[in-house]
């Protein structure tokens, strides 16, 4: 997500996270939830992330529900 400048800028702006906070919080369920909520809120982001991870978009959405 951070590799795409417009998407990264939108994500950081909407969540209030900095890149360093995002990296440091990858193991934090709150940060994971923020990322998944962001991705699920915009289908193009969800599909791009799922493609990059080699998984189905539905799997990312299901992960959000589990958190």
N, C-alpha and C. Protein backbone atom coordinates (compact mmCIF):
# COMPACT_ATOMS: atom_id res chain seq x y z
N UNK A 1 0.82 -1.18 0.00
CA UNK A 1 0.00 0.00 0.00
C UNK A 1 0.86 1.25 0.00
N UNK A 2 1.94 1.25 0.74
CA UNK A 2 2.78 2.43 0.80
C UNK A 2 3.62 2.60 -0.46
N UNK A 3 3.66 1.58 -1.30
CA UNK A 3 4.39 1.68 -2.56
C UNK A 3 3.67 2.51 -3.60
N UNK A 4 2.39 2.74 -3.42
CA UNK A 4 1.59 3.56 -4.32
C UNK A 4 1.38 4.91 -3.64
N UNK A 5 2.06 5.94 -4.14
CA UNK A 5 2.08 7.24 -3.46
C UNK A 5 0.70 7.82 -3.17
N UNK A 6 -0.22 7.89 -4.15
CA UNK A 6 -1.53 8.46 -3.82
C UNK A 6 -2.30 7.64 -2.77
N UNK A 7 -2.21 6.32 -2.87
CA UNK A 7 -2.90 5.46 -1.90
C UNK A 7 -2.27 5.62 -0.52
N UNK A 8 -0.96 5.66 -0.47
CA UNK A 8 -0.26 5.82 0.81
C UNK A 8 -0.60 7.16 1.46
N UNK A 9 -0.62 8.21 0.65
CA UNK A 9 -0.93 9.54 1.18
C UNK A 9 -2.36 9.58 1.74
N UNK A 10 -3.29 8.98 1.01
CA UNK A 10 -4.68 8.93 1.47
C UNK A 10 -4.79 8.12 2.77
N UNK A 11 -4.13 6.96 2.80
CA UNK A 11 -4.17 6.12 4.00
C UNK A 11 -3.61 6.85 5.21
N UNK A 12 -2.44 7.43 5.07
CA UNK A 12 -1.82 8.12 6.19
C UNK A 12 -2.66 9.32 6.64
N UNK A 13 -3.24 10.01 5.69
CA UNK A 13 -4.09 11.15 6.02
C UNK A 13 -5.34 10.71 6.77
N UNK A 14 -5.98 9.66 6.31
CA UNK A 14 -7.23 9.20 6.93
C UNK A 14 -7.01 8.57 8.30
N UNK A 15 -5.90 7.86 8.47
CA UNK A 15 -5.66 7.17 9.74
C UNK A 15 -4.90 8.03 10.75
N UNK A 16 -4.18 9.03 10.27
CA UNK A 16 -3.36 9.84 11.16
C UNK A 16 -2.05 9.18 11.54
N UNK A 17 -1.79 8.00 10.97
CA UNK A 17 -0.54 7.29 11.25
C UNK A 17 0.60 7.88 10.41
N UNK A 18 1.81 7.75 10.93
CA UNK A 18 3.00 8.08 10.15
C UNK A 18 3.56 6.76 9.61
N UNK A 19 4.41 6.82 8.60
CA UNK A 19 5.02 5.57 8.12
C UNK A 19 5.75 4.81 9.23
N UNK A 20 6.44 5.53 10.11
CA UNK A 20 7.15 4.88 11.21
C UNK A 20 6.19 4.21 12.19
N UNK A 21 5.08 4.88 12.50
CA UNK A 21 4.08 4.29 13.39
C UNK A 21 3.45 3.05 12.76
N UNK A 22 3.23 3.12 11.47
CA UNK A 22 2.67 1.97 10.77
C UNK A 22 3.62 0.78 10.84
N UNK A 23 4.88 1.01 10.55
CA UNK A 23 5.87 -0.08 10.61
C UNK A 23 5.98 -0.65 12.02
N UNK A 24 6.03 0.23 13.00
CA UNK A 24 6.20 -0.20 14.39
C UNK A 24 4.95 -0.93 14.90
N UNK A 25 3.80 -0.63 14.34
CA UNK A 25 2.56 -1.20 14.85
C UNK A 25 2.02 -2.37 14.06
N UNK A 26 2.80 -2.93 13.17
CA UNK A 26 2.28 -4.02 12.33
C UNK A 26 1.76 -5.21 13.13
N UNK A 27 2.29 -5.43 14.31
CA UNK A 27 1.81 -6.53 15.15
C UNK A 27 0.65 -6.14 16.05
N UNK A 28 0.27 -4.88 16.04
CA UNK A 28 -0.79 -4.36 16.90
C UNK A 28 -2.15 -4.55 16.21
N UNK A 29 -3.08 -5.25 16.86
CA UNK A 29 -4.40 -5.46 16.25
C UNK A 29 -5.12 -4.16 15.87
N UNK A 30 -4.88 -3.08 16.60
CA UNK A 30 -5.52 -1.81 16.27
C UNK A 30 -4.99 -1.27 14.94
N UNK A 31 -3.70 -1.39 14.72
CA UNK A 31 -3.10 -0.94 13.46
C UNK A 31 -3.54 -1.87 12.34
N UNK A 32 -3.53 -3.16 12.59
CA UNK A 32 -4.00 -4.11 11.57
C UNK A 32 -5.44 -3.80 11.19
N UNK A 33 -6.26 -3.51 12.18
CA UNK A 33 -7.66 -3.18 11.93
C UNK A 33 -7.80 -1.92 11.11
N UNK A 34 -6.98 -0.92 11.40
CA UNK A 34 -7.03 0.34 10.64
C UNK A 34 -6.66 0.10 9.18
N UNK A 35 -5.65 -0.73 8.96
CA UNK A 35 -5.25 -1.05 7.59
C UNK A 35 -6.37 -1.79 6.86
N UNK A 36 -6.91 -2.80 7.50
CA UNK A 36 -7.96 -3.59 6.86
C UNK A 36 -9.23 -2.77 6.64
N UNK A 37 -9.55 -1.91 7.58
CA UNK A 37 -10.72 -1.03 7.43
C UNK A 37 -10.53 -0.10 6.24
N UNK A 38 -9.34 0.45 6.12
CA UNK A 38 -9.02 1.32 4.99
C UNK A 38 -9.18 0.57 3.68
N UNK A 39 -8.59 -0.62 3.60
CA UNK A 39 -8.64 -1.40 2.37
C UNK A 39 -10.07 -1.79 2.01
N UNK A 40 -10.83 -2.19 2.99
CA UNK A 40 -12.21 -2.63 2.73
C UNK A 40 -13.13 -1.46 2.41
N UNK A 41 -12.71 -0.26 2.72
CA UNK A 41 -13.53 0.91 2.46
C UNK A 41 -13.48 1.38 1.02
N UNK A 42 -12.58 0.84 0.23
CA UNK A 42 -12.45 1.25 -1.16
C UNK A 42 -12.03 0.03 -1.97
N UNK A 43 -12.92 -0.43 -2.81
CA UNK A 43 -12.72 -1.69 -3.52
C UNK A 43 -11.41 -1.74 -4.30
N UNK A 44 -11.03 -0.64 -4.94
CA UNK A 44 -9.78 -0.64 -5.71
C UNK A 44 -8.58 -0.91 -4.81
N UNK A 45 -8.58 -0.34 -3.61
CA UNK A 45 -7.50 -0.58 -2.66
C UNK A 45 -7.49 -2.03 -2.20
N UNK A 46 -8.67 -2.55 -1.93
CA UNK A 46 -8.79 -3.94 -1.48
C UNK A 46 -8.26 -4.90 -2.54
N UNK A 47 -8.66 -4.70 -3.78
CA UNK A 47 -8.23 -5.57 -4.87
C UNK A 47 -6.72 -5.46 -5.10
N UNK A 48 -6.19 -4.24 -5.07
CA UNK A 48 -4.75 -4.05 -5.27
C UNK A 48 -3.95 -4.74 -4.17
N UNK A 49 -4.40 -4.60 -2.93
CA UNK A 49 -3.69 -5.24 -1.82
C UNK A 49 -3.77 -6.75 -1.91
N UNK A 50 -4.94 -7.25 -2.23
CA UNK A 50 -5.11 -8.70 -2.36
C UNK A 50 -4.23 -9.25 -3.47
N UNK A 51 -4.18 -8.56 -4.59
CA UNK A 51 -3.32 -8.99 -5.70
C UNK A 51 -1.85 -9.00 -5.27
N UNK A 52 -1.43 -7.95 -4.58
CA UNK A 52 -0.04 -7.86 -4.13
C UNK A 52 0.32 -8.97 -3.15
N UNK A 53 -0.67 -9.40 -2.37
CA UNK A 53 -0.45 -10.46 -1.38
C UNK A 53 -0.72 -11.85 -1.91
N UNK A 54 -1.26 -11.93 -3.14
CA UNK A 54 -1.57 -13.23 -3.73
C UNK A 54 -2.72 -13.93 -3.05
N UNK A 55 -3.72 -13.15 -2.68
CA UNK A 55 -4.88 -13.73 -2.01
C UNK A 55 -6.16 -13.10 -2.55
N UNK A 56 -7.28 -13.68 -2.17
CA UNK A 56 -8.57 -13.17 -2.62
C UNK A 56 -8.98 -11.97 -1.76
N UNK A 57 -9.61 -10.97 -2.38
CA UNK A 57 -10.10 -9.84 -1.59
C UNK A 57 -11.02 -10.27 -0.45
N UNK A 58 -11.80 -11.30 -0.67
CA UNK A 58 -12.70 -11.79 0.38
C UNK A 58 -11.93 -12.26 1.61
N UNK A 59 -10.71 -12.77 1.41
CA UNK A 59 -9.90 -13.21 2.54
C UNK A 59 -9.47 -12.03 3.41
N UNK A 60 -9.15 -10.90 2.77
CA UNK A 60 -8.80 -9.71 3.53
C UNK A 60 -10.01 -9.18 4.29
N UNK A 61 -11.15 -9.19 3.63
CA UNK A 61 -12.37 -8.73 4.30
C UNK A 61 -12.70 -9.64 5.48
N UNK A 62 -12.50 -10.94 5.32
CA UNK A 62 -12.75 -11.87 6.42
C UNK A 62 -11.78 -11.62 7.58
N UNK A 63 -10.55 -11.30 7.27
CA UNK A 63 -9.57 -11.00 8.32
C UNK A 63 -10.03 -9.78 9.13
N UNK A 64 -10.58 -8.80 8.44
CA UNK A 64 -11.09 -7.61 9.13
C UNK A 64 -12.21 -7.99 10.11
N UNK A 65 -13.07 -8.87 9.67
CA UNK A 65 -14.18 -9.30 10.54
C UNK A 65 -13.68 -10.06 11.76
N UNK A 66 -12.60 -10.81 11.61
CA UNK A 66 -12.05 -11.57 12.73
C UNK A 66 -11.41 -10.68 13.78
N UNK A 67 -10.88 -9.53 13.35
CA UNK A 67 -10.26 -8.62 14.30
C UNK A 67 -11.34 -7.94 15.11
